[in-house]
Amino acid sequence: MKTIKKLNPKQFFPKIKNSAKEFQRKLKKALKENSNSYSKINPLKFAISLGIINGLIILLTTLANTFNGSLQILTSIFLEIYGNFGYSISVLGSIIGGIYIFIDTFLITYLFIWIYNKLL
């Protein structure tokens, strides 16, 4: 009867343990070197993109209410906030509301991201 030898995994894969430690060391080093460059946000680009998104949401929501009569709850909230500034449930009002929301979102987001970057 033949005896079966117990196989040692290190015999077949001797570099696995060392390569994993080496990989972890290199990853930690790379994260340390690049941590500051990846944590800051460009406030201008972020504020413009968020302003455009919110402006389009107001524009499309108001147009949906103008032509379809839907989303009246949202447009009534917008009307309460921006009604004194020329916003109304119409095509022109949707454009005016989109511009106001863009400006408000841009200013608030820019200020928030600027403070965030200063605190880093």
PDB file of N, CA and C in Angstrom:
ATOM      1  N   MET A   1       0.829  -1.168   0.000  1.00  0.00           N
ATOM      2  CA  MET A   1       0.000   0.000   0.000  1.00  0.00           C
ATOM      3  C   MET A   1       0.882   1.241   0.000  1.00  0.00           C
ATOM      4  N   LYS A   2       0.468   2.180  -0.835  1.00  0.00           N
ATOM      5  CA  LYS A   2       1.240   3.399  -0.977  1.00  0.00           C
ATOM      6  C   LYS A   2       0.849   4.403   0.092  1.00  0.00           C
ATOM      7  N   THR A   3       1.791   5.099   0.640  1.00  0.00           N
ATOM      8  CA  THR A   3       1.485   6.160   1.610  1.00  0.00           C
ATOM      9  C   THR A   3       1.353   7.484   0.863  1.00  0.00           C
ATOM     10  N   ILE A   4       0.411   8.276   1.299  1.00  0.00           N
ATOM     11  CA  ILE A   4       0.175   9.567   0.653  1.00  0.00           C
ATOM     12  C   ILE A   4       0.833  10.642   1.503  1.00  0.00           C
ATOM     13  N   LYS A   5       1.641  11.436   0.835  1.00  0.00           N
ATOM     14  CA  LYS A   5       2.312  12.534   1.528  1.00  0.00           C
ATOM     15  C   LYS A   5       1.356  13.718   1.664  1.00  0.00           C
ATOM     16  N   LYS A   6       1.488  14.391   2.768  1.00  0.00           N
ATOM     17  CA  LYS A   6       0.711  15.608   2.971  1.00  0.00           C
ATOM     18  C   LYS A   6       1.391  16.720   2.176  1.00  0.00           C
ATOM     19  N   LEU A   7       0.605  17.416   1.357  1.00  0.00           N
ATOM     20  CA  LEU A   7       1.166  18.469   0.523  1.00  0.00           C
ATOM     21  C   LEU A   7       1.238  19.777   1.290  1.00  0.00           C
ATOM     22  N   ASN A   8       2.295  20.475   1.070  1.00  0.00           N
ATOM     23  CA  ASN A   8       2.495  21.779   1.675  1.00  0.00           C
ATOM     24  C   ASN A   8       2.234  22.850   0.609  1.00  0.00           C
ATOM     25  N   PRO A   9       1.242  23.737   0.810  1.00  0.00           N
ATOM     26  CA  PRO A   9       0.955  24.743  -0.212  1.00  0.00           C
ATOM     27  C   PRO A   9       2.123  25.683  -0.467  1.00  0.00           C
ATOM     28  N   LYS A  10       2.938  25.946   0.544  1.00  0.00           N
ATOM     29  CA  LYS A  10       4.086  26.839   0.366  1.00  0.00           C
ATOM     30  C   LYS A  10       5.080  26.263  -0.630  1.00  0.00           C
ATOM     31  N   GLN A  11       5.069  24.982  -0.748  1.00  0.00           N
ATOM     32  CA  GLN A  11       5.974  24.323  -1.676  1.00  0.00           C
ATOM     33  C   GLN A  11       5.609  24.695  -3.126  1.00  0.00           C
ATOM     34  N   PHE A  12       4.327  24.852  -3.403  1.00  0.00           N
ATOM     35  CA  PHE A  12       3.900  25.176  -4.753  1.00  0.00           C
ATOM     36  C   PHE A  12       3.763  26.689  -4.982  1.00  0.00           C
ATOM     37  N   PHE A  13       3.415  27.411  -3.952  1.00  0.00           N
ATOM     38  CA  PHE A  13       3.198  28.851  -4.068  1.00  0.00           C
ATOM     39  C   PHE A  13       4.021  29.587  -3.005  1.00  0.00           C
ATOM     40  N   PRO A  14       5.327  29.630  -3.132  1.00  0.00           N
ATOM     41  CA  PRO A  14       6.141  30.231  -2.077  1.00  0.00           C
ATOM     42  C   PRO A  14       6.032  31.752  -2.006  1.00  0.00           C
ATOM     43  N   LYS A  15       5.658  32.416  -3.098  1.00  0.00           N
ATOM     44  CA  LYS A  15       5.692  33.873  -3.111  1.00  0.00           C
ATOM     45  C   LYS A  15       4.345  34.512  -2.804  1.00  0.00           C
ATOM     46  N   ILE A  16       3.321  33.730  -2.582  1.00  0.00           N
ATOM     47  CA  ILE A  16       1.994  34.301  -2.364  1.00  0.00           C
ATOM     48  C   ILE A  16       1.964  35.175  -1.122  1.00  0.00           C
ATOM     49  N   LYS A  17       2.479  34.697  -0.020  1.00  0.00           N
ATOM     50  CA  LYS A  17       2.437  35.455   1.227  1.00  0.00           C
ATOM     51  C   LYS A  17       3.254  36.736   1.090  1.00  0.00           C
ATOM     52  N   ASN A  18       4.420  36.644   0.508  1.00  0.00           N
ATOM     53  CA  ASN A  18       5.273  37.816   0.363  1.00  0.00           C
ATOM     54  C   ASN A  18       4.691  38.816  -0.628  1.00  0.00           C
ATOM     55  N   SER A  19       4.103  38.345  -1.706  1.00  0.00           N
ATOM     56  CA  SER A  19       3.565  39.273  -2.697  1.00  0.00           C
ATOM     57  C   SER A  19       2.338  40.005  -2.152  1.00  0.00           C
ATOM     58  N   ALA A  20       1.538  39.358  -1.338  1.00  0.00           N
ATOM     59  CA  ALA A  20       0.379  40.026  -0.743  1.00  0.00           C
ATOM     60  C   ALA A  20       0.829  41.131   0.200  1.00  0.00           C
ATOM     61  N   LYS A  21       1.837  40.874   0.997  1.00  0.00           N
ATOM     62  CA  LYS A  21       2.355  41.907   1.896  1.00  0.00           C
ATOM     63  C   LYS A  21       2.969  43.056   1.105  1.00  0.00           C
ATOM     64  N   GLU A  22       3.666  42.723   0.039  1.00  0.00           N
ATOM     65  CA  GLU A  22       4.276  43.747  -0.805  1.00  0.00           C
ATOM     66  C   GLU A  22       3.187  44.615  -1.460  1.00  0.00           C
ATOM     67  N   PHE A  23       2.117  43.976  -1.918  1.00  0.00           N
ATOM     68  CA  PHE A  23       1.016  44.710  -2.522  1.00  0.00           C
ATOM     69  C   PHE A  23       0.371  45.649  -1.510  1.00  0.00           C
ATOM     70  N   GLN A  24       0.139  45.195  -0.296  1.00  0.00           N
ATOM     71  CA  GLN A  24      -0.455  46.033   0.741  1.00  0.00           C
ATOM     72  C   GLN A  24       0.445  47.222   1.065  1.00  0.00           C
ATOM     73  N   ARG A  25       1.739  46.984   1.112  1.00  0.00           N
ATOM     74  CA  ARG A  25       2.683  48.057   1.409  1.00  0.00           C
ATOM     75  C   ARG A  25       2.659  49.114   0.305  1.00  0.00           C
ATOM     76  N   LYS A  26       2.655  48.673  -0.949  1.00  0.00           N
ATOM     77  CA  LYS A  26       2.639  49.613  -2.061  1.00  0.00           C
ATOM     78  C   LYS A  26       1.316  50.377  -2.119  1.00  0.00           C
ATOM     79  N   LEU A  27       0.217  49.697  -1.813  1.00  0.00           N
ATOM     80  CA  LEU A  27      -1.089  50.352  -1.821  1.00  0.00           C
ATOM     81  C   LEU A  27      -1.173  51.425  -0.741  1.00  0.00           C
ATOM     82  N   LYS A  28      -0.693  51.125   0.456  1.00  0.00           N
ATOM     83  CA  LYS A  28      -0.698  52.116   1.536  1.00  0.00           C
ATOM     84  C   LYS A  28       0.153  53.323   1.171  1.00  0.00           C
ATOM     85  N   LYS A  29       1.306  53.073   0.549  1.00  0.00           N
ATOM     86  CA  LYS A  29       2.200  54.154   0.151  1.00  0.00           C
ATOM     87  C   LYS A  29       1.531  55.034  -0.904  1.00  0.00           C
ATOM     88  N   ALA A  30       0.882  54.417  -1.880  1.00  0.00           N
ATOM     89  CA  ALA A  30       0.209  55.177  -2.934  1.00  0.00           C
ATOM     90  C   ALA A  30      -0.949  55.986  -2.375  1.00  0.00           C
ATOM     91  N   LEU A  31      -1.708  55.414  -1.444  1.00  0.00           N
ATOM     92  CA  LEU A  31      -2.824  56.139  -0.846  1.00  0.00           C
ATOM     93  C   LEU A  31      -2.344  57.325  -0.027  1.00  0.00           C
ATOM     94  N   LYS A  32      -1.220  57.181   0.661  1.00  0.00           N
ATOM     95  CA  LYS A  32      -0.668  58.285   1.437  1.00  0.00           C
ATOM     96  C   LYS A  32      -0.224  59.412   0.522  1.00  0.00           C
ATOM     97  N   GLU A  33       0.438  59.065  -0.573  1.00  0.00           N
ATOM     98  CA  GLU A  33       0.953  60.082  -1.485  1.00  0.00           C
ATOM     99  C   GLU A  33      -0.167  60.833  -2.181  1.00  0.00           C
ATOM    100  N   ASN A  34      -1.268  60.166  -2.504  1.00  0.00           N
ATOM    101  CA  ASN A  34      -2.327  60.780  -3.295  1.00  0.00           C
ATOM    102  C   ASN A  34      -3.546  61.185  -2.486  1.00  0.00           C
ATOM    103  N   SER A  35      -3.498  61.077  -1.190  1.00  0.00           N
ATOM    104  CA  SER A  35      -4.693  61.338  -0.393  1.00  0.00           C
ATOM    105  C   SER A  35      -5.139  62.790  -0.490  1.00  0.00           C
ATOM    106  N   ASN A  36      -4.227  63.734  -0.518  1.00  0.00           N
ATOM    107  CA  ASN A  36      -4.611  65.141  -0.570  1.00  0.00           C
ATOM    108  C   ASN A  36      -5.141  65.543  -1.935  1.00  0.00           C
ATOM    109  N   SER A  37      -4.610  64.970  -2.999  1.00  0.00           N
ATOM    110  CA  SER A  37      -5.034  65.387  -4.327  1.00  0.00           C
ATOM    111  C   SER A  37      -6.418  64.862  -4.680  1.00  0.00           C
ATOM    112  N   TYR A  38      -6.866  63.781  -4.070  1.00  0.00           N
ATOM    113  CA  TYR A  38      -8.162  63.214  -4.398  1.00  0.00           C
ATOM    114  C   TYR A  38      -9.272  63.681  -3.472  1.00  0.00           C
ATOM    115  N   SER A  39      -8.956  64.315  -2.377  1.00  0.00           N
ATOM    116  CA  SER A  39      -9.990  64.669  -1.420  1.00  0.00           C
ATOM    117  C   SER A  39     -10.593  66.050  -1.690  1.00  0.00           C
ATOM    118  N   LYS A  40      -9.910  66.898  -2.446  1.00  0.00           N
ATOM    119  CA  LYS A  40     -10.445  68.232  -2.732  1.00  0.00           C
ATOM    120  C   LYS A  40     -11.380  68.170  -3.932  1.00  0.00           C
ATOM    121  N   ILE A  41     -12.392  69.009  -3.901  1.00  0.00           N
ATOM    122  CA  ILE A  41     -13.395  69.076  -4.965  1.00  0.00           C
ATOM    123  C   ILE A  41     -13.294  70.453  -5.607  1.00  0.00           C
ATOM    124  N   ASN A  42     -13.401  70.489  -6.920  1.00  0.00           N
ATOM    125  CA  ASN A  42     -13.413  71.768  -7.623  1.00  0.00           C
ATOM    126  C   ASN A  42     -14.780  72.417  -7.422  1.00  0.00           C
ATOM    127  N   PRO A  43     -14.854  73.523  -6.656  1.00  0.00           N
ATOM    128  CA  PRO A  43     -16.166  74.084  -6.322  1.00  0.00           C
ATOM    129  C   PRO A  43     -16.897  74.668  -7.527  1.00  0.00           C
ATOM    130  N   LEU A  44     -16.179  75.234  -8.479  1.00  0.00           N
ATOM    131  CA  LEU A  44     -16.827  75.848  -9.639  1.00  0.00           C
ATOM    132  C   LEU A  44     -17.512  74.795 -10.507  1.00  0.00           C
ATOM    133  N   LYS A  45     -16.803  73.725 -10.830  1.00  0.00           N
ATOM    134  CA  LYS A  45     -17.378  72.672 -11.671  1.00  0.00           C
ATOM    135  C   LYS A  45     -18.543  71.979 -10.967  1.00  0.00           C
ATOM    136  N   PHE A  46     -18.386  71.718  -9.688  1.00  0.00           N
ATOM    137  CA  PHE A  46     -19.436  71.036  -8.940  1.00  0.00           C
ATOM    138  C   PHE A  46     -20.681  71.905  -8.833  1.00  0.00           C
ATOM    139  N   ALA A  47     -20.487  73.194  -8.562  1.00  0.00           N
ATOM    140  CA  ALA A  47     -21.619  74.108  -8.410  1.00  0.00           C
ATOM    141  C   ALA A  47     -22.348  74.302  -9.737  1.00  0.00           C
ATOM    142  N   ILE A  48     -21.620  74.404 -10.836  1.00  0.00           N
ATOM    143  CA  ILE A  48     -22.266  74.560 -12.144  1.00  0.00           C
ATOM    144  C   ILE A  48     -23.076  73.315 -12.484  1.00  0.00           C
ATOM    145  N   SER A  49     -22.487  72.145 -12.276  1.00  0.00           N
ATOM    146  CA  SER A  49     -23.203  70.915 -12.634  1.00  0.00           C
ATOM    147  C   SER A  49     -24.458  70.728 -11.779  1.00  0.00           C
ATOM    148  N   LEU A  50     -24.374  70.981 -10.492  1.00  0.00           N
ATOM    149  CA  LEU A  50     -25.546  70.835  -9.630  1.00  0.00           C
ATOM    150  C   LEU A  50     -26.591  71.911  -9.937  1.00  0.00           C
ATOM    151  N   GLY A  51     -26.136  73.112 -10.269  1.00  0.00           N
ATOM    152  CA  GLY A  51     -27.067  74.171 -10.648  1.00  0.00           C
ATOM    153  C   GLY A  51     -27.829  73.845 -11.920  1.00  0.00           C
ATOM    154  N   ILE A  52     -27.137  73.281 -12.901  1.00  0.00           N
ATOM    155  CA  ILE A  52     -27.805  72.892 -14.144  1.00  0.00           C
ATOM    156  C   ILE A  52     -28.843  71.810 -13.884  1.00  0.00           C
ATOM    157  N   ILE A  53     -28.473  70.826 -13.086  1.00  0.00           N
ATOM    158  CA  ILE A  53     -29.415  69.732 -12.789  1.00  0.00           C
ATOM    159  C   ILE A  53     -30.663  70.266 -12.090  1.00  0.00           C
ATOM    160  N   ASN A  54     -30.484  71.091 -11.079  1.00  0.00           N
ATOM    161  CA  ASN A  54     -31.646  71.632 -10.352  1.00  0.00           C
ATOM    162  C   ASN A  54     -32.458  72.583 -11.220  1.00  0.00           C
ATOM    163  N   GLY A  55     -31.802  73.381 -12.048  1.00  0.00           N
ATOM    164  CA  GLY A  55     -32.524  74.266 -12.956  1.00  0.00           C
ATOM    165  C   GLY A  55     -33.385  73.488 -13.936  1.00  0.00           C
ATOM    166  N   LEU A  56     -32.836  72.380 -14.461  1.00  0.00           N
ATOM    167  CA  LEU A  56     -33.616  71.544 -15.375  1.00  0.00           C
ATOM    168  C   LEU A  56     -34.789  70.868 -14.671  1.00  0.00           C
ATOM    169  N   ILE A  57     -34.599  70.484 -13.423  1.00  0.00           N
ATOM    170  CA  ILE A  57     -35.693  69.866 -12.665  1.00  0.00           C
ATOM    171  C   ILE A  57     -36.845  70.851 -12.508  1.00  0.00           C
ATOM    172  N   ILE A  58     -36.540  72.097 -12.144  1.00  0.00           N
ATOM    173  CA  ILE A  58     -37.586  73.124 -12.009  1.00  0.00           C
ATOM    174  C   ILE A  58     -38.260  73.370 -13.353  1.00  0.00           C
ATOM    175  N   LEU A  59     -37.466  73.501 -14.391  1.00  0.00           N
ATOM    176  CA  LEU A  59     -38.003  73.775 -15.726  1.00  0.00           C
ATOM    177  C   LEU A  59     -38.958  72.664 -16.166  1.00  0.00           C
ATOM    178  N   LEU A  60     -38.509  71.419 -16.053  1.00  0.00           N
ATOM    179  CA  LEU A  60     -39.341  70.293 -16.504  1.00  0.00           C
ATOM    180  C   LEU A  60     -40.567  70.080 -15.610  1.00  0.00           C
ATOM    181  N   THR A  61     -40.410  70.301 -14.318  1.00  0.00           N
ATOM    182  CA  THR A  61     -41.536  70.153 -13.399  1.00  0.00           C
ATOM    183  C   THR A  61     -42.617  71.192 -13.697  1.00  0.00           C
ATOM    184  N   THR A  62     -42.202  72.429 -13.923  1.00  0.00           N
ATOM    185  CA  THR A  62     -43.164  73.484 -14.214  1.00  0.00           C
ATOM    186  C   THR A  62     -43.829  73.260 -15.570  1.00  0.00           C
ATOM    187  N   LEU A  63     -43.053  72.825 -16.573  1.00  0.00           N
ATOM    188  CA  LEU A  63     -43.648  72.550 -17.881  1.00  0.00           C
ATOM    189  C   LEU A  63     -44.638  71.388 -17.807  1.00  0.00           C
ATOM    190  N   ALA A  64     -44.314  70.378 -16.989  1.00  0.00           N
ATOM    191  CA  ALA A  64     -45.247  69.255 -16.821  1.00  0.00           C
ATOM    192  C   ALA A  64     -46.551  69.729 -16.199  1.00  0.00           C
ATOM    193  N   ASN A  65     -46.473  70.636 -15.251  1.00  0.00           N
ATOM    194  CA  ASN A  65     -47.684  71.170 -14.626  1.00  0.00           C
ATOM    195  C   ASN A  65     -48.427  72.087 -15.590  1.00  0.00           C
ATOM    196  N   THR A  66     -47.702  72.828 -16.398  1.00  0.00           N
ATOM    197  CA  THR A  66     -48.337  73.744 -17.341  1.00  0.00           C
ATOM    198  C   THR A  66     -49.148  72.990 -18.389  1.00  0.00           C
ATOM    199  N   PHE A  67     -48.568  71.962 -18.962  1.00  0.00           N
ATOM    200  CA  PHE A  67     -49.222  71.267 -20.069  1.00  0.00           C
ATOM    201  C   PHE A  67     -50.081  70.083 -19.640  1.00  0.00           C
ATOM    202  N   ASN A  68     -49.735  69.468 -18.517  1.00  0.00           N
ATOM    203  CA  ASN A  68     -50.403  68.234 -18.124  1.00  0.00           C
ATOM    204  C   ASN A  68     -51.221  68.386 -16.843  1.00  0.00           C
ATOM    205  N   GLY A  69     -50.886  69.348 -16.034  1.00  0.00           N
ATOM    206  CA  GLY A  69     -51.575  69.523 -14.769  1.00  0.00           C
ATOM    207  C   GLY A  69     -51.037  68.631 -13.659  1.00  0.00           C
ATOM    208  N   SER A  70     -49.943  67.943 -13.903  1.00  0.00           N
ATOM    209  CA  SER A  70     -49.371  67.053 -12.889  1.00  0.00           C
ATOM    210  C   SER A  70     -48.306  67.790 -12.070  1.00  0.00           C
ATOM    211  N   LEU A  71     -47.890  67.172 -11.010  1.00  0.00           N
ATOM    212  CA  LEU A  71     -46.842  67.690 -10.114  1.00  0.00           C
ATOM    213  C   LEU A  71     -47.215  69.040  -9.499  1.00  0.00           C
ATOM    214  N   GLN A  72     -48.469  69.203  -9.147  1.00  0.00           N
ATOM    215  CA  GLN A  72     -48.930  70.476  -8.598  1.00  0.00           C
ATOM    216  C   GLN A  72     -48.375  70.753  -7.210  1.00  0.00           C
ATOM    217  N   ILE A  73     -48.081  69.700  -6.463  1.00  0.00           N
ATOM    218  CA  ILE A  73     -47.543  69.904  -5.108  1.00  0.00           C
ATOM    219  C   ILE A  73     -46.163  70.552  -5.182  1.00  0.00           C
ATOM    220  N   LEU A  74     -45.315  70.046  -6.070  1.00  0.00           N
ATOM    221  CA  LEU A  74     -43.966  70.618  -6.197  1.00  0.00           C
ATOM    222  C   LEU A  74     -44.018  72.046  -6.724  1.00  0.00           C
ATOM    223  N   THR A  75     -44.812  72.266  -7.747  1.00  0.00           N
ATOM    224  CA  THR A  75     -44.855  73.613  -8.309  1.00  0.00           C
ATOM    225  C   THR A  75     -45.475  74.617  -7.352  1.00  0.00           C
ATOM    226  N   SER A  76     -46.369  74.169  -6.487  1.00  0.00           N
ATOM    227  CA  SER A  76     -46.922  75.100  -5.495  1.00  0.00           C
ATOM    228  C   SER A  76     -45.849  75.505  -4.478  1.00  0.00           C
ATOM    229  N   ILE A  77     -44.950  74.574  -4.160  1.00  0.00           N
ATOM    230  CA  ILE A  77     -43.828  74.916  -3.259  1.00  0.00           C
ATOM    231  C   ILE A  77     -42.906  75.916  -3.940  1.00  0.00           C
ATOM    232  N   PHE A  78     -42.592  75.680  -5.208  1.00  0.00           N
ATOM    233  CA  PHE A  78     -41.741  76.621  -5.950  1.00  0.00           C
ATOM    234  C   PHE A  78     -42.403  77.985  -6.049  1.00  0.00           C
ATOM    235  N   LEU A  79     -43.726  77.989  -6.227  1.00  0.00           N
ATOM    236  CA  LEU A  79     -44.475  79.236  -6.342  1.00  0.00           C
ATOM    237  C   LEU A  79     -44.429  80.027  -5.035  1.00  0.00           C
ATOM    238  N   GLU A  80     -44.493  79.326  -3.910  1.00  0.00           N
ATOM    239  CA  GLU A  80     -44.396  79.998  -2.602  1.00  0.00           C
ATOM    240  C   GLU A  80     -43.025  80.658  -2.433  1.00  0.00           C
ATOM    241  N   ILE A  81     -41.972  79.991  -2.887  1.00  0.00           N
ATOM    242  CA  ILE A  81     -40.615  80.506  -2.677  1.00  0.00           C
ATOM    243  C   ILE A  81     -40.268  81.591  -3.693  1.00  0.00           C
ATOM    244  N   TYR A  82     -40.523  81.330  -4.973  1.00  0.00           N
ATOM    245  CA  TYR A  82     -40.062  82.223  -6.041  1.00  0.00           C
ATOM    246  C   TYR A  82     -41.180  83.014  -6.715  1.00  0.00           C
ATOM    247  N   GLY A  83     -42.386  82.974  -6.184  1.00  0.00           N
ATOM    248  CA  GLY A  83     -43.508  83.693  -6.789  1.00  0.00           C
ATOM    249  C   GLY A  83     -43.316  85.197  -6.810  1.00  0.00           C
ATOM    250  N   ASN A  84     -42.682  85.734  -5.813  1.00  0.00           N
ATOM    251  CA  ASN A  84     -42.445  87.187  -5.749  1.00  0.00           C
ATOM    252  C   ASN A  84     -41.370  87.645  -6.728  1.00  0.00           C
ATOM    253  N   PHE A  85     -40.611  86.715  -7.266  1.00  0.00           N
ATOM    254  CA  PHE A  85     -39.519  87.063  -8.173  1.00  0.00           C
ATOM    255  C   PHE A  85     -39.870  86.839  -9.639  1.00  0.00           C
ATOM    256  N   GLY A  86     -41.138  86.554  -9.947  1.00  0.00           N
ATOM    257  CA  GLY A  86     -41.554  86.400 -11.327  1.00  0.00           C
ATOM    258  C   GLY A  86     -41.837  84.976 -11.751  1.00  0.00           C
ATOM    259  N   TYR A  87     -41.659  84.026 -10.857  1.00  0.00           N
ATOM    260  CA  TYR A  87     -41.945  82.632 -11.205  1.00  0.00           C
ATOM    261  C   TYR A  87     -43.445  82.414 -11.234  1.00  0.00           C
ATOM    262  N   SER A  88     -43.909  81.727 -12.264  1.00  0.00           N
ATOM    263  CA  SER A  88     -45.325  81.379 -12.355  1.00  0.00           C
ATOM    264  C   SER A  88     -45.452  80.049 -13.083  1.00  0.00           C
ATOM    265  N   ILE A  89     -46.648  79.485 -13.060  1.00  0.00           N
ATOM    266  CA  ILE A  89     -46.890  78.206 -13.728  1.00  0.00           C
ATOM    267  C   ILE A  89     -47.183  78.503 -15.201  1.00  0.00           C
ATOM    268  N   SER A  90     -46.129  78.750 -15.963  1.00  0.00           N
ATOM    269  CA  SER A  90     -46.241  79.022 -17.394  1.00  0.00           C
ATOM    270  C   SER A  90     -44.887  78.695 -18.034  1.00  0.00           C
ATOM    271  N   VAL A  91     -44.836  78.834 -19.350  1.00  0.00           N
ATOM    272  CA  VAL A  91     -43.577  78.555 -20.036  1.00  0.00           C
ATOM    273  C   VAL A  91     -42.522  79.576 -19.628  1.00  0.00           C
ATOM    274  N   LEU A  92     -42.886  80.850 -19.620  1.00  0.00           N
ATOM    275  CA  LEU A  92     -41.938  81.881 -19.202  1.00  0.00           C
ATOM    276  C   LEU A  92     -41.581  81.725 -17.724  1.00  0.00           C
ATOM    277  N   GLY A  93     -42.559  81.381 -16.906  1.00  0.00           N
ATOM    278  CA  GLY A  93     -42.303  81.159 -15.481  1.00  0.00           C
ATOM    279  C   GLY A  93     -41.369  79.996 -15.238  1.00  0.00           C
ATOM    280  N   SER A  94     -41.443  78.955 -16.065  1.00  0.00           N
ATOM    281  CA  SER A  94     -40.534  77.818 -15.897  1.00  0.00           C
ATOM    282  C   SER A  94     -39.103  78.218 -16.221  1.00  0.00           C
ATOM    283  N   ILE A  95     -38.929  79.077 -17.219  1.00  0.00           N
ATOM    284  CA  ILE A  95     -37.572  79.554 -17.558  1.00  0.00           C
ATOM    285  C   ILE A  95     -37.036  80.441 -16.444  1.00  0.00           C
ATOM    286  N   ILE A  96     -37.875  81.349 -15.947  1.00  0.00           N
ATOM    287  CA  ILE A  96     -37.452  82.222 -14.843  1.00  0.00           C
ATOM    288  C   ILE A  96     -37.122  81.390 -13.607  1.00  0.00           C
ATOM    289  N   GLY A  97     -37.964  80.408 -13.279  1.00  0.00           N
ATOM    290  CA  GLY A  97     -37.705  79.537 -12.127  1.00  0.00           C
ATOM    291  C   GLY A  97     -36.426  78.732 -12.292  1.00  0.00           C
ATOM    292  N   GLY A  98     -36.169  78.234 -13.505  1.00  0.00           N
ATOM    293  CA  GLY A  98     -34.935  77.497 -13.763  1.00  0.00           C
ATOM    294  C   GLY A  98     -33.701  78.352 -13.551  1.00  0.00           C
ATOM    295  N   ILE A  99     -33.788  79.615 -13.982  1.00  0.00           N
ATOM    296  CA  ILE A  99     -32.647  80.532 -13.796  1.00  0.00           C
ATOM    297  C   ILE A  99     -32.444  80.836 -12.309  1.00  0.00           C
ATOM    298  N   TYR A 100     -33.538  81.106 -11.581  1.00  0.00           N
ATOM    299  CA  TYR A 100     -33.408  81.390 -10.150  1.00  0.00           C
ATOM    300  C   TYR A 100     -32.847  80.190  -9.380  1.00  0.00           C
ATOM    301  N   ILE A 101     -33.348  79.022  -9.694  1.00  0.00           N
ATOM    302  CA  ILE A 101     -32.846  77.825  -9.003  1.00  0.00           C
ATOM    303  C   ILE A 101     -31.379  77.583  -9.344  1.00  0.00           C
ATOM    304  N   PHE A 102     -31.001  77.812 -10.595  1.00  0.00           N
ATOM    305  CA  PHE A 102     -29.591  77.658 -10.964  1.00  0.00           C
ATOM    306  C   PHE A 102     -28.714  78.583 -10.136  1.00  0.00           C
ATOM    307  N   ILE A 103     -29.118  79.843 -10.034  1.00  0.00           N
ATOM    308  CA  ILE A 103     -28.315  80.821  -9.278  1.00  0.00           C
ATOM    309  C   ILE A 103     -28.247  80.431  -7.803  1.00  0.00           C
ATOM    310  N   ASP A 104     -29.393  80.115  -7.207  1.00  0.00           N
ATOM    311  CA  ASP A 104     -29.402  79.725  -5.790  1.00  0.00           C
ATOM    312  C   ASP A 104     -28.559  78.480  -5.532  1.00  0.00           C
ATOM    313  N   THR A 105     -28.750  77.469  -6.354  1.00  0.00           N
ATOM    314  CA  THR A 105     -28.000  76.226  -6.165  1.00  0.00           C
ATOM    315  C   THR A 105     -26.509  76.450  -6.378  1.00  0.00           C
ATOM    316  N   PHE A 106     -26.175  77.246  -7.390  1.00  0.00           N
ATOM    317  CA  PHE A 106     -24.765  77.530  -7.657  1.00  0.00           C
ATOM    318  C   PHE A 106     -24.114  78.196  -6.453  1.00  0.00           C
ATOM    319  N   LEU A 107     -24.743  79.237  -5.918  1.00  0.00           N
ATOM    320  CA  LEU A 107     -24.139  79.977  -4.799  1.00  0.00           C
ATOM    321  C   LEU A 107     -24.013  79.114  -3.546  1.00  0.00           C
ATOM    322  N   ILE A 108     -25.061  78.405  -3.212  1.00  0.00           N
ATOM    323  CA  ILE A 108     -25.030  77.576  -2.004  1.00  0.00           C
ATOM    324  C   ILE A 108     -24.014  76.444  -2.137  1.00  0.00           C
ATOM    325  N   THR A 109     -23.993  75.792  -3.302  1.00  0.00           N
ATOM    326  CA  THR A 109     -23.055  74.681  -3.502  1.00  0.00           C
ATOM    327  C   THR A 109     -21.619  75.174  -3.520  1.00  0.00           C
ATOM    328  N   TYR A 110     -21.370  76.284  -4.202  1.00  0.00           N
ATOM    329  CA  TYR A 110     -20.009  76.817  -4.258  1.00  0.00           C
ATOM    330  C   TYR A 110     -19.504  77.150  -2.856  1.00  0.00           C
ATOM    331  N   LEU A 111     -20.346  77.799  -2.064  1.00  0.00           N
ATOM    332  CA  LEU A 111     -19.962  78.150  -0.695  1.00  0.00           C
ATOM    333  C   LEU A 111     -19.708  76.896   0.145  1.00  0.00           C
ATOM    334  N   PHE A 112     -20.589  75.911   0.031  1.00  0.00           N
ATOM    335  CA  PHE A 112     -20.443  74.668   0.794  1.00  0.00           C
ATOM    336  C   PHE A 112     -19.142  73.944   0.426  1.00  0.00           C
ATOM    337  N   ILE A 113     -18.862  73.808  -0.865  1.00  0.00           N
ATOM    338  CA  ILE A 113     -17.651  73.097  -1.301  1.00  0.00           C
ATOM    339  C   ILE A 113     -16.406  73.900  -0.948  1.00  0.00           C
ATOM    340  N   TRP A 114     -16.472  75.226  -1.017  1.00  0.00           N
ATOM    341  CA  TRP A 114     -15.328  76.053  -0.646  1.00  0.00           C
ATOM    342  C   TRP A 114     -14.986  75.850   0.833  1.00  0.00           C
ATOM    343  N   ILE A 115     -16.006  75.847   1.687  1.00  0.00           N
ATOM    344  CA  ILE A 115     -15.784  75.603   3.122  1.00  0.00           C
ATOM    345  C   ILE A 115     -15.256  74.191   3.337  1.00  0.00           C
ATOM    346  N   TYR A 116     -15.827  73.215   2.633  1.00  0.00           N
ATOM    347  CA  TYR A 116     -15.371  71.822   2.741  1.00  0.00           C
ATOM    348  C   TYR A 116     -13.881  71.707   2.403  1.00  0.00           C
ATOM    349  N   ASN A 117     -13.451  72.339   1.320  1.00  0.00           N
ATOM    350  CA  ASN A 117     -12.040  72.266   0.925  1.00  0.00           C
ATOM    351  C   ASN A 117     -11.136  72.977   1.936  1.00  0.00           C
ATOM    352  N   LYS A 118     -11.617  74.059   2.554  1.00  0.00           N
ATOM    353  CA  LYS A 118     -10.816  74.764   3.551  1.00  0.00           C
ATOM    354  C   LYS A 118     -10.641  73.942   4.827  1.00  0.00           C
ATOM    355  N   LEU A 119     -11.628  73.118   5.138  1.00  0.00           N
ATOM    356  CA  LEU A 119     -11.558  72.312   6.359  1.00  0.00           C
ATOM    357  C   LEU A 119     -10.658  71.090   6.201  1.00  0.00           C
ATOM    358  N   LEU A 120     -10.309  70.743   4.974  1.00  0.00           N
ATOM    359  CA  LEU A 120      -9.430  69.567   4.781  1.00  0.00           C
ATOM    360  C   LEU A 120      -8.025  69.825   5.217  1.00  0.00           C
TER     361      LEU A 120
END
